[in-house]
N, C-alpha and C. Protein backbone atom coordinates (compact mmCIF):
# COMPACT_ATOMS: atom_id res chain seq x y z
N UNK A 1 1.35 1.69 3.14
CA UNK A 1 0.25 0.51 3.31
C UNK A 1 -0.23 -0.64 3.26
N UNK A 2 -0.32 -0.98 4.26
CA UNK A 2 0.00 -2.79 5.23
C UNK A 2 -1.56 -3.28 4.18
N UNK A 3 -1.37 -4.89 4.30
CA UNK A 3 -2.16 -5.26 3.26
C UNK A 3 -3.51 -5.81 4.97
N UNK A 4 -3.25 -5.71 5.60
CA UNK A 4 -3.73 -6.54 6.63
C UNK A 4 -5.36 -5.86 6.86
N UNK A 5 -6.49 -6.12 6.96
CA UNK A 5 -8.13 -5.93 6.75
C UNK A 5 -7.82 -4.31 7.19
N UNK A 6 -8.41 -3.85 6.59
CA UNK A 6 -8.39 -2.03 6.92
C UNK A 6 -9.58 -1.31 6.26
N UNK A 7 -9.69 -0.18 7.12
CA UNK A 7 -10.79 -0.01 6.90
C UNK A 7 -10.58 1.62 6.05
N UNK A 8 -10.63 2.24 4.59
CA UNK A 8 -10.13 3.86 4.09
C UNK A 8 -10.96 4.28 3.56
N UNK A 9 -10.90 5.38 3.83
CA UNK A 9 -12.24 6.59 4.18
C UNK A 9 -11.80 7.79 3.53
N UNK A 10 -13.07 8.61 2.63
CA UNK A 10 -13.29 9.13 1.58
C UNK A 10 -14.12 9.60 1.94
N UNK A 11 -13.56 10.97 1.37
CA UNK A 11 -14.64 12.34 2.38
C UNK A 11 -14.40 13.52 1.41
N UNK A 12 -15.02 14.67 1.60
CA UNK A 12 -14.77 15.84 0.97
C UNK A 12 -14.21 16.88 1.80
N UNK A 13 -14.70 16.29 3.53
CA UNK A 13 -14.83 17.39 5.01
C UNK A 13 -13.45 16.00 5.36
N UNK A 14 -12.22 17.82 6.01
CA UNK A 14 -11.45 17.98 6.77
C UNK A 14 -11.47 17.16 8.09
N UNK A 15 -12.90 17.39 8.76
CA UNK A 15 -12.99 16.79 10.08
C UNK A 15 -13.46 15.46 10.08
N UNK A 16 -14.38 15.48 8.72
CA UNK A 16 -14.82 14.03 8.86
C UNK A 16 -13.76 12.58 9.16
N UNK A 17 -12.57 13.71 7.81
CA UNK A 17 -11.64 12.60 7.40
C UNK A 17 -10.15 12.27 8.80
N UNK A 18 -9.74 13.73 9.46
CA UNK A 18 -9.72 13.62 11.23
C UNK A 18 -10.23 12.59 11.67
N UNK A 19 -11.45 12.71 12.18
CA UNK A 19 -12.12 11.92 13.24
C UNK A 19 -11.67 10.12 12.57
N UNK A 20 -11.78 10.05 11.62
CA UNK A 20 -11.50 8.83 11.19
C UNK A 20 -10.28 8.23 11.17
N UNK A 21 -9.01 9.25 10.83
CA UNK A 21 -7.74 8.74 11.81
C UNK A 21 -7.61 8.74 12.82
N UNK A 22 -8.75 9.88 14.25
CA UNK A 22 -8.42 8.52 14.23
C UNK A 22 -8.98 7.93 15.83
N UNK A 23 -10.18 7.74 15.06
CA UNK A 23 -10.68 6.03 14.99
C UNK A 23 -10.05 5.29 14.63
N UNK A 24 -9.06 5.22 13.84
CA UNK A 24 -7.85 3.68 13.59
C UNK A 24 -8.77 3.99 12.19
N UNK A 25 -9.04 4.56 11.42
CA UNK A 25 -8.21 4.17 9.89
C UNK A 25 -6.97 4.56 9.80
N UNK A 26 -6.23 3.53 8.59
CA UNK A 26 -5.07 3.22 8.25
C UNK A 26 -4.61 5.27 7.39
N UNK A 27 -5.88 4.79 6.41
CA UNK A 27 -5.82 4.92 4.76
C UNK A 27 -7.52 6.87 5.03
N UNK A 28 -6.73 7.50 4.29
CA UNK A 28 -7.61 9.04 3.87
C UNK A 28 -7.24 9.01 3.06
N UNK A 29 -9.03 9.57 2.41
CA UNK A 29 -8.64 10.14 -0.05
C UNK A 29 -10.03 11.45 0.71
N UNK A 30 -8.84 12.22 0.30
CA UNK A 30 -10.00 13.79 0.18
C UNK A 30 -10.20 13.71 -1.59
N UNK A 31 -12.07 13.79 -1.58
CA UNK A 31 -12.60 13.04 -2.45
C UNK A 31 -13.07 14.84 -2.51
N UNK A 32 -12.83 15.80 -3.00
CA UNK A 32 -13.53 16.92 -3.44
C UNK A 32 -13.85 17.32 -4.77
N UNK A 33 -15.24 17.60 -5.25
CA UNK A 33 -16.21 17.35 -6.51
C UNK A 33 -15.77 18.75 -6.96
N UNK A 34 -16.27 19.69 -6.12
CA UNK A 34 -17.42 20.39 -5.69
C UNK A 34 -16.50 22.35 -5.36
N UNK A 35 -15.30 21.90 -5.27
CA UNK A 35 -14.93 22.87 -4.37
C UNK A 35 -13.71 23.66 -5.75
N UNK A 36 -13.11 25.01 -5.54
CA UNK A 36 -12.42 25.05 -6.36
C UNK A 36 -11.06 25.47 -5.48
N UNK A 37 -9.83 25.13 -6.62
CA UNK A 37 -8.94 24.10 -6.37
C UNK A 37 -7.65 24.62 -5.00
N UNK A 38 -8.48 26.44 -5.18
CA UNK A 38 -7.51 27.19 -3.73
C UNK A 38 -8.29 26.03 -2.73
N UNK A 39 -9.43 26.25 -2.46
CA UNK A 39 -10.19 25.02 -1.57
C UNK A 39 -9.08 23.90 -1.45
N UNK A 40 -9.66 23.12 -2.46
CA UNK A 40 -8.87 21.84 -1.66
C UNK A 40 -7.70 21.83 -1.78
N UNK A 41 -6.72 22.71 -2.06
CA UNK A 41 -4.99 22.99 -1.75
C UNK A 41 -5.54 22.68 -0.12
N UNK A 42 -5.85 23.71 0.40
CA UNK A 42 -5.63 23.69 1.96
C UNK A 42 -6.40 23.47 2.78
N UNK A 43 -7.14 22.41 2.10
CA UNK A 43 -8.04 21.21 2.84
C UNK A 43 -7.34 20.45 3.08
N UNK A 44 -5.91 19.87 1.42
CA UNK A 44 -5.23 18.54 1.15
C UNK A 44 -4.23 18.83 2.62
N UNK A 45 -3.38 20.64 2.52
CA UNK A 45 -2.96 20.68 3.27
C UNK A 45 -3.29 20.55 4.67
N UNK A 46 -4.31 21.00 5.12
CA UNK A 46 -4.57 20.92 6.22
C UNK A 46 -3.69 18.78 7.03
N UNK A 47 -4.27 18.77 5.91
CA UNK A 47 -4.68 17.00 6.37
C UNK A 47 -2.87 16.76 6.33
N UNK A 48 -1.99 16.94 5.60
CA UNK A 48 -0.85 16.94 6.06
C UNK A 48 -0.41 16.71 6.96
N UNK A 49 -0.53 18.39 7.26
CA UNK A 49 -0.08 18.89 8.34
C UNK A 49 -0.20 17.72 9.71
N UNK A 50 -1.58 17.45 9.26
CA UNK A 50 -2.22 16.62 10.87
C UNK A 50 -0.89 15.30 11.38
N UNK A 51 -0.59 14.56 9.99
CA UNK A 51 0.50 13.88 9.82
C UNK A 51 1.55 13.77 10.55
N UNK A 52 1.61 15.26 11.45
CA UNK A 52 2.38 15.63 12.32
C UNK A 52 2.08 14.89 13.44
N UNK A 53 0.53 14.72 14.44
CA UNK A 53 0.02 14.38 15.10
C UNK A 53 -0.31 12.81 15.14
N UNK A 54 -0.25 12.53 14.13
CA UNK A 54 -1.01 10.40 13.89
C UNK A 54 -0.57 10.62 12.11
N UNK A 55 -0.01 8.84 12.35
CA UNK A 55 0.31 8.32 11.30
C UNK A 55 -0.37 7.52 10.88
N UNK A 56 -1.06 7.82 9.31
CA UNK A 56 -1.82 7.72 8.37
C UNK A 56 -0.88 7.87 6.88
N UNK A 57 -1.77 7.15 6.17
CA UNK A 57 -1.94 7.44 4.30
C UNK A 57 -2.39 8.39 4.51
N UNK A 58 -1.64 9.72 3.42
CA UNK A 58 -3.20 10.60 3.14
C UNK A 58 -2.90 10.59 1.41
N UNK A 59 -3.79 10.10 0.76
CA UNK A 59 -4.27 10.34 -0.65
C UNK A 59 -5.52 11.43 -0.66
N UNK A 60 -5.04 11.66 -1.77
CA UNK A 60 -6.14 13.05 -2.38
C UNK A 60 -6.35 12.51 -4.52
N UNK A 61 -8.05 12.57 -4.12
CA UNK A 61 -8.22 12.18 -5.42
C UNK A 61 -8.25 13.42 -6.54
N UNK A 62 -7.72 12.93 -7.76
CA UNK A 62 -8.67 13.60 -9.65
C UNK A 62 -6.48 14.33 -9.48
N UNK A 63 -5.77 14.60 -8.57
CA UNK A 63 -5.07 15.74 -9.46
C UNK A 63 -3.91 15.36 -8.41
N UNK A 64 -3.14 14.73 -9.85
CA UNK A 64 -1.83 13.68 -9.64
C UNK A 64 -0.42 15.12 -9.26
N UNK A 65 -0.38 16.08 -9.76
CA UNK A 65 0.63 17.98 -10.06
C UNK A 65 0.11 18.19 -8.51
N UNK A 66 -1.57 18.56 -7.67
CA UNK A 66 -1.62 19.00 -6.92
C UNK A 66 -0.87 18.36 -5.51
N UNK A 67 -1.05 17.02 -5.33
CA UNK A 67 -0.96 16.45 -4.61
C UNK A 67 0.84 16.47 -4.18
N UNK A 68 1.64 16.13 -5.32
CA UNK A 68 2.85 16.29 -5.22
C UNK A 68 3.17 17.41 -4.59
N UNK A 69 2.22 18.25 -5.02
CA UNK A 69 2.62 20.36 -4.75
C UNK A 69 2.49 19.79 -3.16
N UNK A 70 1.07 19.60 -2.13
CA UNK A 70 1.02 20.02 -1.25
C UNK A 70 1.29 18.81 0.04
N UNK A 71 2.55 18.05 -0.91
CA UNK A 71 2.50 16.71 -0.16
C UNK A 71 2.35 15.35 0.40
N UNK A 72 1.48 14.88 -0.80
CA UNK A 72 0.29 14.04 -0.21
C UNK A 72 0.67 12.19 -0.52
N UNK A 73 0.50 11.29 0.44
CA UNK A 73 1.57 10.75 0.13
C UNK A 73 1.38 9.55 -1.56
N UNK A 74 0.10 10.34 -2.39
CA UNK A 74 -0.14 9.62 -3.51
C UNK A 74 -1.75 10.65 -3.93
N UNK A 75 -2.11 9.78 -5.31
CA UNK A 75 -3.77 10.26 -5.54
C UNK A 75 -3.73 9.42 -6.08
N UNK A 76 -4.87 9.23 -6.22
CA UNK A 76 -5.95 7.86 -6.75
C UNK A 76 -6.95 7.99 -8.11
N UNK A 77 -7.31 8.03 -8.92
CA UNK A 77 -7.46 8.65 -10.12
C UNK A 77 -8.71 7.39 -10.53
N UNK A 78 -9.91 8.73 -11.69
CA UNK A 78 -10.19 7.60 -12.35
C UNK A 78 -10.42 6.43 -13.60
N UNK A 79 -10.83 6.20 -14.12
CA UNK A 79 -10.83 5.49 -15.56
C UNK A 79 -10.40 6.58 -16.21
N UNK A 80 -10.87 7.82 -16.32
CA UNK A 80 -10.18 9.41 -17.92
C UNK A 80 -9.24 9.63 -17.25
N UNK A 81 -7.82 8.62 -16.60
CA UNK A 81 -7.05 9.48 -16.36
C UNK A 81 -5.63 8.06 -16.46
N UNK A 82 -4.70 8.19 -17.75
CA UNK A 82 -3.80 7.32 -17.45
C UNK A 82 -3.33 7.50 -16.60
N UNK A 83 -2.82 5.72 -16.42
CA UNK A 83 -2.14 5.81 -15.32
C UNK A 83 -0.67 5.93 -15.69
N UNK A 84 0.11 5.57 -16.52
CA UNK A 84 1.47 6.40 -17.13
C UNK A 84 1.76 7.49 -16.87
N UNK A 85 0.93 8.04 -16.89
CA UNK A 85 0.62 9.57 -17.28
C UNK A 85 0.46 10.94 -15.52
N UNK A 86 -0.33 9.45 -14.78
CA UNK A 86 -0.62 10.12 -13.58
C UNK A 86 0.90 9.26 -12.81
N UNK A 87 1.63 8.54 -13.10
CA UNK A 87 2.54 8.32 -12.72
C UNK A 87 4.01 9.18 -13.05
N UNK A 88 4.35 9.41 -14.08
CA UNK A 88 5.13 10.14 -14.43
C UNK A 88 5.06 11.55 -13.59
N UNK A 89 3.97 12.24 -13.18
CA UNK A 89 4.02 12.91 -12.20
C UNK A 89 4.53 13.25 -11.28
N UNK A 90 3.37 12.30 -10.58
CA UNK A 90 4.04 11.76 -8.70
C UNK A 90 5.68 10.74 -9.07
N UNK A 91 5.88 10.69 -9.09
CA UNK A 91 7.19 10.16 -9.72
C UNK A 91 7.00 8.85 -8.55
N UNK A 92 7.90 7.54 -8.72
CA UNK A 92 7.87 6.51 -8.61
C UNK A 92 7.79 6.04 -6.94
N UNK A 93 8.04 7.39 -6.34
CA UNK A 93 7.70 6.13 -4.53
C UNK A 93 6.43 7.10 -4.10
N UNK A 94 5.91 7.50 -5.04
CA UNK A 94 4.18 8.31 -4.34
C UNK A 94 2.85 6.61 -4.57
N UNK A 95 2.32 6.77 -3.91
CA UNK A 95 1.43 5.85 -4.54
C UNK A 95 0.37 5.96 -5.46
N UNK A 96 0.02 5.01 -6.07
CA UNK A 96 -0.91 5.44 -7.25
C UNK A 96 -1.78 4.15 -7.54
N UNK A 97 -3.53 4.93 -6.65
CA UNK A 97 -5.14 4.25 -7.16
C UNK A 97 -5.49 4.36 -7.93
N UNK A 98 -5.81 3.49 -8.68
CA UNK A 98 -7.23 3.84 -9.80
C UNK A 98 -8.41 2.95 -9.21
N UNK A 99 -9.60 3.24 -9.65
CA UNK A 99 -10.62 2.72 -9.52
C UNK A 99 -10.98 2.17 -10.89
N UNK A 100 -11.89 0.77 -10.45
CA UNK A 100 -11.70 -0.04 -11.33
C UNK A 100 -12.95 -0.74 -11.38
N UNK A 101 -13.85 -0.78 -12.32
CA UNK A 101 -15.03 -1.79 -12.02
C UNK A 101 -15.17 -2.77 -12.42
N UNK A 102 -14.40 -3.76 -13.05
CA UNK A 102 -14.00 -4.88 -13.59
C UNK A 102 -13.24 -5.47 -13.70
N UNK A 103 -12.29 -6.85 -14.01
CA UNK A 103 -11.70 -7.63 -13.37
C UNK A 103 -10.30 -6.97 -14.67
N UNK A 104 -11.13 -7.23 -15.39
CA UNK A 104 -9.87 -6.74 -16.86
C UNK A 104 -9.79 -5.16 -16.70
N UNK A 105 -10.40 -4.04 -16.12
CA UNK A 105 -9.76 -2.61 -15.51
C UNK A 105 -8.67 -2.64 -14.21
N UNK A 106 -9.08 -3.63 -13.62
CA UNK A 106 -7.97 -4.28 -12.80
C UNK A 106 -6.63 -5.10 -12.98
N UNK A 107 -6.68 -5.46 -14.16
CA UNK A 107 -5.84 -6.37 -14.06
C UNK A 107 -5.00 -5.25 -14.98
N UNK A 108 -5.78 -4.35 -16.00
CA UNK A 108 -4.73 -3.53 -16.65
C UNK A 108 -3.97 -1.92 -15.37
N UNK A 109 -4.49 -2.14 -15.07
CA UNK A 109 -4.44 -1.18 -13.66
C UNK A 109 -2.96 -1.46 -12.68
N UNK A 110 -2.50 -2.71 -12.62
CA UNK A 110 -2.37 -3.81 -12.24
C UNK A 110 -0.72 -3.13 -13.37
N UNK A 111 -1.00 -4.03 -14.58
CA UNK A 111 -0.04 -4.25 -14.83
C UNK A 111 1.31 -2.52 -14.79
N UNK A 112 -0.05 -1.88 -15.96
CA UNK A 112 0.60 -0.36 -15.86
C UNK A 112 0.83 0.34 -14.56
N UNK A 113 1.00 -0.64 -13.64
CA UNK A 113 2.10 0.07 -12.37
C UNK A 113 1.14 0.77 -11.12
N UNK A 114 -0.17 1.15 -10.77
CA UNK A 114 -0.78 1.52 -9.59
C UNK A 114 -0.62 0.25 -8.68
N UNK A 115 -0.49 0.88 -7.70
CA UNK A 115 -0.21 0.83 -6.44
C UNK A 115 -1.31 -0.43 -5.55
N UNK A 116 -2.73 0.31 -5.94
CA UNK A 116 -3.67 -0.43 -5.53
C UNK A 116 -5.07 -0.04 -6.26
N UNK A 117 -5.73 -1.24 -6.44
CA UNK A 117 -6.81 -0.12 -7.31
C UNK A 117 -7.79 -0.14 -6.86
N UNK A 118 -9.17 0.22 -6.60
CA UNK A 118 -11.03 0.41 -5.79
C UNK A 118 -11.26 -1.06 -6.64
N UNK A 119 -12.34 -1.37 -6.00
CA UNK A 119 -13.04 -2.84 -6.89
C UNK A 119 -14.78 -2.53 -6.14
N UNK A 120 -15.40 -1.21 -7.35
CA UNK A 120 -16.71 -0.79 -6.88
C UNK A 120 -16.97 -0.46 -8.30
N UNK A 121 -18.15 0.53 -7.47
CA UNK A 121 -18.92 0.28 -6.39
C UNK A 121 -20.10 -0.73 -6.44
N UNK A 122 -19.72 -2.09 -5.61
CA UNK A 122 -19.64 -3.06 -4.70
C UNK A 122 -21.62 -2.40 -4.73
N UNK A 123 -22.61 -1.95 -4.35
CA UNK A 123 -23.83 -2.00 -4.42
C UNK A 123 -23.88 -0.89 -4.88
N UNK A 124 -24.58 -0.23 -4.79
CA UNK A 124 -25.74 0.97 -4.90
C UNK A 124 -25.22 1.89 -4.56
N UNK A 125 -24.51 3.12 -5.16
CA UNK A 125 -24.73 3.95 -3.64
C UNK A 125 -24.60 5.82 -4.74
N UNK A 126 -25.53 6.47 -3.58
CA UNK A 126 -25.59 7.81 -4.56
C UNK A 126 -24.31 8.48 -4.70
N UNK A 127 -22.56 7.63 -4.18
CA UNK A 127 -22.13 8.77 -4.57
C UNK A 127 -21.23 8.65 -5.92
N UNK A 128 -22.12 7.46 -6.59
CA UNK A 128 -21.60 7.61 -7.47
C UNK A 128 -22.81 7.02 -8.53
N UNK A 129 -23.62 8.24 -8.84
CA UNK A 129 -24.40 8.45 -9.31
C UNK A 129 -24.80 7.54 -11.61
N UNK A 130 -25.43 6.67 -11.62
CA UNK A 130 -24.77 6.60 -13.26
C UNK A 130 -24.76 5.49 -13.37
N UNK A 131 -23.74 5.10 -12.28
CA UNK A 131 -22.61 4.17 -11.55
C UNK A 131 -23.68 2.91 -11.93
N UNK A 132 -23.71 1.20 -12.74
CA UNK A 132 -24.28 0.20 -11.88
C UNK A 132 -23.44 -0.06 -11.11
N UNK A 133 -23.90 -1.36 -9.73
CA UNK A 133 -22.83 -1.78 -8.86
C UNK A 133 -22.63 -2.36 -9.63
N UNK A 134 -21.66 -3.24 -9.55
CA UNK A 134 -20.60 -4.28 -9.48
C UNK A 134 -20.98 -5.63 -8.97
N UNK A 135 -21.32 -5.99 -7.91
CA UNK A 135 -21.82 -6.81 -7.09
C UNK A 135 -20.89 -7.31 -5.96
N UNK A 136 -20.60 -8.80 -5.46
CA UNK A 136 -19.95 -9.55 -5.32
C UNK A 136 -18.93 -9.88 -6.17
N UNK A 137 -18.96 -10.16 -7.19
CA UNK A 137 -18.54 -11.17 -8.05
C UNK A 137 -17.24 -10.56 -8.58
N UNK A 138 -17.42 -9.09 -8.89
CA UNK A 138 -16.19 -8.90 -8.95
C UNK A 138 -15.44 -8.56 -7.24
N UNK A 139 -15.16 -8.45 -6.72
CA UNK A 139 -14.97 -8.63 -5.67
C UNK A 139 -13.83 -10.30 -5.45
N UNK A 140 -15.41 -11.20 -6.02
CA UNK A 140 -14.54 -13.00 -5.78
C UNK A 140 -13.09 -12.31 -6.69
N UNK A 141 -13.40 -12.20 -7.63
CA UNK A 141 -12.61 -11.88 -8.97
C UNK A 141 -11.05 -11.31 -8.65
N UNK A 142 -11.58 -10.07 -8.57
CA UNK A 142 -10.40 -10.08 -7.98
C UNK A 142 -9.21 -10.05 -6.39
N UNK A 143 -9.90 -10.86 -5.58
CA UNK A 143 -9.54 -11.68 -5.16
C UNK A 143 -8.60 -13.03 -5.28
N UNK A 144 -8.79 -13.53 -6.28
CA UNK A 144 -8.66 -14.78 -7.37
C UNK A 144 -7.24 -13.95 -8.27
N UNK A 145 -7.54 -12.94 -8.64
CA UNK A 145 -6.43 -12.55 -10.02
C UNK A 145 -5.84 -11.24 -9.61
N UNK A 146 -5.80 -10.60 -8.46
CA UNK A 146 -5.39 -9.17 -8.79
C UNK A 146 -4.56 -8.83 -7.32
N UNK A 147 -3.02 -8.98 -7.51
CA UNK A 147 -1.76 -8.73 -6.74
C UNK A 147 -1.63 -8.65 -6.19
N UNK A 148 -1.57 -6.69 -6.75
CA UNK A 148 -1.59 -5.48 -5.44
C UNK A 148 -2.51 -5.51 -5.27
N UNK A 149 -2.57 -4.54 -3.46
CA UNK A 149 -3.00 -4.47 -3.15
C UNK A 149 -4.90 -3.42 -3.37
N UNK A 150 -6.62 -4.45 -3.11
CA UNK A 150 -7.77 -3.24 -3.42
C UNK A 150 -8.72 -3.11 -2.88
N UNK A 151 -8.86 -1.87 -2.73
CA UNK A 151 -10.81 -1.71 -1.90
C UNK A 151 -11.71 -1.64 -2.41
N UNK A 152 -12.22 -2.42 -1.39
CA UNK A 152 -13.71 -2.52 -2.15
C UNK A 152 -14.89 -1.43 -1.86
N UNK A 153 -15.86 -1.26 -2.50
CA UNK A 153 -16.31 0.04 -1.38
C UNK A 153 -17.36 -0.03 -2.34
N UNK A 154 -18.54 1.30 -2.15
CA UNK A 154 -19.77 1.04 -2.50
C UNK A 154 -20.69 0.77 -1.89
N UNK A 155 -21.53 1.46 -1.37
CA UNK A 155 -22.36 1.75 0.17
C UNK A 155 -22.08 0.25 0.99
N UNK A 156 -21.10 -0.05 0.97
CA UNK A 156 -20.86 -0.43 2.33
C UNK A 156 -20.94 0.06 3.82
N UNK A 157 -21.66 -0.64 4.43
CA UNK A 157 -21.35 -0.32 5.85
C UNK A 157 -22.03 -1.54 7.03
N UNK A 158 -22.08 -1.22 7.88
CA UNK A 158 -22.35 -2.49 9.11
C UNK A 158 -23.07 -3.33 8.75
N UNK A 159 -24.20 -3.21 7.81
CA UNK A 159 -24.99 -3.55 7.71
C UNK A 159 -24.83 -5.26 6.59
N UNK A 160 -23.73 -4.87 5.77
CA UNK A 160 -23.06 -5.78 4.76
C UNK A 160 -21.64 -6.57 4.63
N UNK A 161 -21.23 -5.60 5.67
CA UNK A 161 -19.46 -5.85 6.06
C UNK A 161 -18.85 -7.47 6.29
N UNK A 162 -19.88 -7.95 6.08
CA UNK A 162 -19.38 -9.46 6.73
C UNK A 162 -19.36 -10.02 5.10
N UNK A 163 -20.85 -10.33 4.25
CA UNK A 163 -20.33 -10.61 2.58
C UNK A 163 -19.67 -10.25 2.17
N UNK A 164 -19.08 -8.60 2.12
CA UNK A 164 -17.64 -8.79 1.42
C UNK A 164 -16.27 -8.97 1.81
N UNK A 165 -16.67 -8.86 3.13
CA UNK A 165 -15.06 -9.91 3.36
C UNK A 165 -14.95 -11.16 3.26
N UNK A 166 -16.50 -12.36 3.41
CA UNK A 166 -16.09 -13.22 2.58
C UNK A 166 -15.81 -13.54 1.19
N UNK A 167 -16.44 -12.47 0.49
CA UNK A 167 -16.14 -12.72 -0.84
C UNK A 167 -14.65 -12.33 -1.04
N UNK A 168 -13.99 -11.86 0.51
CA UNK A 168 -12.29 -11.77 -0.75
C UNK A 168 -11.85 -10.20 0.39
N UNK A 169 -12.64 -9.70 -0.18
CA UNK A 169 -12.10 -8.47 1.10
C UNK A 169 -10.77 -8.16 2.05
N UNK A 170 -10.42 -7.07 2.37
CA UNK A 170 -9.64 -7.20 3.11
C UNK A 170 -9.28 -5.72 2.81
N UNK A 171 -8.98 -4.71 2.48
CA UNK A 171 -9.24 -3.29 3.06
C UNK A 171 -10.99 -3.29 2.43
N UNK A 172 -11.51 -2.16 2.90
CA UNK A 172 -12.85 -1.37 3.08
C UNK A 172 -13.28 -0.62 3.06
N UNK A 173 -13.15 0.43 2.07
CA UNK A 173 -13.61 2.05 1.12
C UNK A 173 -14.65 2.33 1.90
N UNK A 174 -14.69 3.49 2.93
CA UNK A 174 -16.22 3.46 2.73
C UNK A 174 -16.20 5.40 2.52
N UNK A 175 -17.64 5.76 2.39
CA UNK A 175 -17.85 7.14 1.84
C UNK A 175 -18.97 7.64 2.73
N UNK A 176 -20.03 7.30 2.80
CA UNK A 176 -21.21 7.18 3.66
C UNK A 176 -21.28 6.77 5.17
N UNK A 177 -20.04 5.93 5.55
CA UNK A 177 -20.45 4.93 6.66
C UNK A 177 -18.76 5.70 7.16
N UNK A 178 -18.57 6.84 6.73
CA UNK A 178 -17.20 6.94 7.62
C UNK A 178 -17.82 7.16 9.56
N UNK A 179 -18.33 7.48 10.00
CA UNK A 179 -19.26 8.14 11.05
C UNK A 179 -18.83 5.88 12.44
N UNK A 180 -18.76 5.20 10.94
CA UNK A 180 -18.99 3.84 12.05
C UNK A 180 -17.60 2.76 11.57
N UNK A 181 -16.16 3.95 11.32
CA UNK A 181 -14.86 3.54 11.50
C UNK A 181 -14.56 2.66 12.22
N UNK A 182 -14.53 3.24 13.54
CA UNK A 182 -14.41 2.48 14.84
C UNK A 182 -15.09 0.65 15.11
N UNK A 183 -16.34 1.17 15.31
CA UNK A 183 -16.96 -0.34 14.45
C UNK A 183 -17.20 -0.79 13.99
N UNK A 184 -16.52 -1.03 12.32
CA UNK A 184 -16.48 -2.06 11.30
C UNK A 184 -15.27 -2.50 11.84
N UNK A 185 -13.91 -1.47 12.17
CA UNK A 185 -12.73 -1.79 12.36
C UNK A 185 -12.48 -3.51 13.66
N UNK A 186 -13.77 -2.87 14.35
CA UNK A 186 -13.79 -3.46 15.04
C UNK A 186 -14.38 -5.17 15.14
N UNK A 187 -15.51 -4.69 14.06
CA UNK A 187 -16.23 -5.60 13.11
C UNK A 187 -15.04 -6.80 12.24
N UNK A 188 -14.14 -5.80 11.49
CA UNK A 188 -12.80 -7.06 10.62
C UNK A 188 -11.90 -7.46 11.38
N UNK A 189 -12.26 -7.30 13.03
CA UNK A 189 -10.97 -8.01 13.58
C UNK A 189 -11.83 -9.14 14.16
N UNK A 190 -13.05 -9.21 14.15
CA UNK A 190 -13.94 -10.75 14.83
C UNK A 190 -13.71 -11.81 13.31
N UNK A 191 -13.90 -10.67 12.12
CA UNK A 191 -14.27 -11.12 10.77
C UNK A 191 -12.78 -12.44 10.48
N UNK A 192 -11.90 -11.44 10.82
CA UNK A 192 -10.27 -12.13 10.71
C UNK A 192 -10.30 -13.18 11.24
N UNK A 193 -10.45 -13.22 11.94
CA UNK A 193 -10.19 -15.35 13.67
C UNK A 193 -10.81 -16.14 12.72
């Protein structure tokens, strides 16, 4: 996972994720909260197989053991899963990401050995019902204090990406704006200058 500006796409759809890779996303995450394990495993294998055609980083959400089994590049866990436990399951070489909603959680994940954290949700989003938005303040705090890569996520699209980058974000995570990958990358190039 490089540190330049980038778009990180999260979806439960293999089709959406493959299109995102083809549109330039360097990292994708399969996040399927409703399918059974067999279906998720099939989807994950499809994405691992696509790596033969394109170079990208594939992260599986929530299931460290399955990430190892299917050959994903890494796993992304929530606050409910201990970082060290996940590391023990995936080993030292796979990528470990952790969701954080405050600087305290971000610093803890960094100290516990996460490779990257997600910072969010920055804006209110229906993909995280009941989770209050953390706002741009946490993005600024992360930019000033977090040494590992952080992905800013939560209600970000072309209408507000400029202010997120101004707050210090380099990696932009998108769920609903997955179809905007090419346009977002173009915007990030312009904002970087």
